[in-house]
Amino acid sequence: MARPEKNRTISQPPLMKGFKPFGIPRCKVEALNLTFEEYESIRLVNYENMEQKEAAALMSVSRPTLTRIYNKALKTISKAFVEGKAIVIEGGNYELAQDWYRCRKCHKLIEADKNQADCEETEDCHPNELINLNK
């Protein structure tokens, strides 16, 4: 029996829920799933230019585990790019390092305590519109 995977630590959730190919209606595009930890591995290694060892420590995994997560993310992104498929960022075994919220109306990401979370992007937004992104 395989050991259950432990949660990976995510410092910052993605700003968006995914991507789709330009010029193709969403209803006609097949979607591939990119997990939160796969997104985080790409963000840390490629966007933040971290060494894999440093990124692994931030995600609370070993360096070989980070490499597996990272390679799976690259394969998913490559397949979507080459085959013209959408990417949906969701799911996985993760925990957010701090409390994050997303406003249902303006989709802005907010890092805050539950009592301090407030979307000030538009006048229409108020605390009842906030979705807690932490599991």
Protein backbone atom coordinates (compact mmCIF):
# COMPACT_ATOMS: atom_id res chain seq x y z
CA MET A 1 0.00 0.00 0.00
CA ALA A 2 1.43 3.36 -1.04
CA ARG A 3 2.10 6.03 1.53
CA PRO A 4 -0.28 9.02 1.27
CA GLU A 5 1.28 12.15 -0.23
CA LYS A 6 1.94 14.94 2.22
CA ASN A 7 0.75 18.45 1.47
CA ARG A 8 3.10 20.75 -0.40
CA THR A 9 3.39 24.34 0.84
CA ILE A 10 2.25 26.99 -1.62
CA SER A 11 3.44 30.55 -0.92
CA GLN A 12 1.15 32.31 -3.37
CA PRO A 13 -1.85 30.98 -5.31
CA PRO A 14 -2.07 31.73 -9.04
CA LEU A 15 -3.68 35.01 -10.10
CA MET A 16 -5.82 33.15 -12.64
CA LYS A 17 -7.71 29.89 -12.82
CA GLY A 18 -6.05 28.83 -16.07
CA PHE A 19 -5.26 29.62 -19.70
CA LYS A 20 -6.75 28.86 -23.08
CA PRO A 21 -5.38 29.05 -26.61
CA PHE A 22 -5.93 32.36 -28.38
CA GLY A 23 -8.57 32.35 -31.11
CA ILE A 24 -10.37 29.13 -30.13
CA PRO A 25 -13.68 29.30 -28.21
CA ARG A 26 -13.43 27.79 -24.71
CA CYS A 27 -16.29 25.39 -25.44
CA LYS A 28 -14.25 23.80 -28.26
CA VAL A 29 -11.01 23.36 -26.34
CA GLU A 30 -10.05 20.30 -24.32
CA ALA A 31 -8.54 21.21 -20.94
CA LEU A 32 -5.56 19.74 -19.10
CA ASN A 33 -5.19 19.98 -15.33
CA LEU A 34 -2.19 21.66 -13.69
CA THR A 35 -2.20 21.22 -9.91
CA PHE A 36 -1.38 24.00 -7.47
CA GLU A 37 1.93 22.37 -6.54
CA GLU A 38 2.88 22.01 -10.22
CA TYR A 39 2.09 25.70 -10.73
CA GLU A 40 4.17 26.59 -7.64
CA SER A 41 7.15 24.57 -8.89
CA ILE A 42 7.11 26.46 -12.21
CA ARG A 43 6.69 29.80 -10.41
CA LEU A 44 9.59 29.21 -8.05
CA VAL A 45 12.06 27.58 -10.46
CA ASN A 46 11.37 29.54 -13.64
CA TYR A 47 9.76 32.82 -12.57
CA GLU A 48 11.64 33.39 -9.29
CA ASN A 49 14.85 31.75 -10.67
CA MET A 50 15.36 29.62 -7.58
CA GLU A 51 17.58 26.58 -7.42
CA GLN A 52 15.53 23.38 -7.14
CA LYS A 53 16.94 22.70 -3.69
CA GLU A 54 15.77 26.11 -2.43
CA ALA A 55 12.34 25.74 -4.09
CA ALA A 56 11.95 22.27 -2.58
CA ALA A 57 12.62 23.65 0.90
CA LEU A 58 9.96 26.36 0.42
CA MET A 59 7.44 23.74 -0.71
CA SER A 60 8.37 21.38 2.17
CA VAL A 61 9.38 18.52 -0.14
CA SER A 62 12.64 16.82 -1.05
CA ARG A 63 14.59 17.96 -4.10
CA PRO A 64 13.82 14.74 -6.04
CA THR A 65 10.09 15.20 -5.30
CA LEU A 66 10.24 18.80 -6.53
CA THR A 67 11.94 17.58 -9.71
CA ARG A 68 9.11 15.08 -10.33
CA ILE A 69 6.46 17.76 -9.72
CA TYR A 70 8.32 20.24 -11.94
CA ASN A 71 8.80 17.75 -14.81
CA LYS A 72 5.12 16.79 -14.71
CA ALA A 73 4.20 20.49 -14.88
CA LEU A 74 6.49 21.05 -17.87
CA LYS A 75 4.99 18.04 -19.66
CA THR A 76 1.44 19.33 -19.07
CA ILE A 77 2.29 22.86 -20.23
CA SER A 78 4.16 21.53 -23.30
CA LYS A 79 1.26 19.27 -24.27
CA ALA A 80 -1.21 22.15 -23.94
CA PHE A 81 1.01 24.44 -25.99
CA VAL A 82 1.72 21.97 -28.79
CA GLU A 83 -1.79 20.46 -29.00
CA GLY A 84 -3.71 23.72 -28.48
CA LYS A 85 -5.36 22.68 -25.21
CA ALA A 86 -6.46 24.83 -22.28
CA ILE A 87 -4.86 24.63 -18.84
CA VAL A 88 -6.99 24.61 -15.69
CA ILE A 89 -5.10 25.25 -12.45
CA GLU A 90 -6.80 23.40 -9.60
CA GLY A 91 -6.47 20.63 -7.06
CA GLY A 92 -3.50 18.75 -5.77
CA ASN A 93 -2.02 18.05 -2.35
CA TYR A 94 -1.24 21.49 -1.03
CA GLU A 95 -1.64 23.91 1.82
CA LEU A 96 -1.26 27.65 1.55
CA ALA A 97 1.44 29.20 3.74
CA GLN A 98 -0.92 32.02 4.80
CA ASP A 99 -4.59 32.90 4.39
CA TRP A 100 -5.57 33.87 0.84
CA TYR A 101 -8.96 35.01 -0.45
CA ARG A 102 -10.34 35.71 -3.94
CA CYS A 103 -13.12 38.24 -4.56
CA ARG A 104 -16.03 36.68 -6.50
CA LYS A 105 -16.78 39.96 -8.29
CA CYS A 106 -13.39 41.37 -9.31
CA HIS A 107 -11.30 38.14 -8.88
CA LYS A 108 -8.57 40.03 -7.00
CA LEU A 109 -6.32 37.94 -4.71
CA ILE A 110 -6.12 39.14 -1.11
CA GLU A 111 -3.63 37.98 1.51
CA ALA A 112 -5.03 38.68 4.98
CA ASP A 113 -6.47 37.44 8.24
CA LYS A 114 -10.13 36.48 8.00
CA ASN A 115 -11.05 39.49 10.16
CA GLN A 116 -8.96 41.86 8.03
CA ALA A 117 -9.81 40.52 4.57
CA ASP A 118 -11.49 43.18 2.50
CA CYS A 119 -11.63 43.80 -1.23
CA GLU A 120 -11.19 47.48 -1.99
CA GLU A 121 -10.95 47.07 -5.77
CA THR A 122 -14.50 48.22 -6.51
CA GLU A 123 -17.32 49.71 -4.48
CA ASP A 124 -19.52 46.67 -5.27
CA CYS A 125 -17.23 44.27 -3.41
CA HIS A 126 -17.67 43.49 0.28
CA PRO A 127 -16.47 40.75 2.68
CA ASN A 128 -19.31 38.35 1.80
CA GLU A 129 -17.88 38.15 -1.72
CA LEU A 130 -14.56 36.67 -0.56
CA ILE A 131 -13.78 32.99 -1.17
CA ASN A 132 -11.24 31.40 1.17
CA LEU A 133 -8.65 29.61 -0.99
CA ASN A 134 -7.20 27.65 1.94
CA LYS A 135 -8.43 24.07 2.28
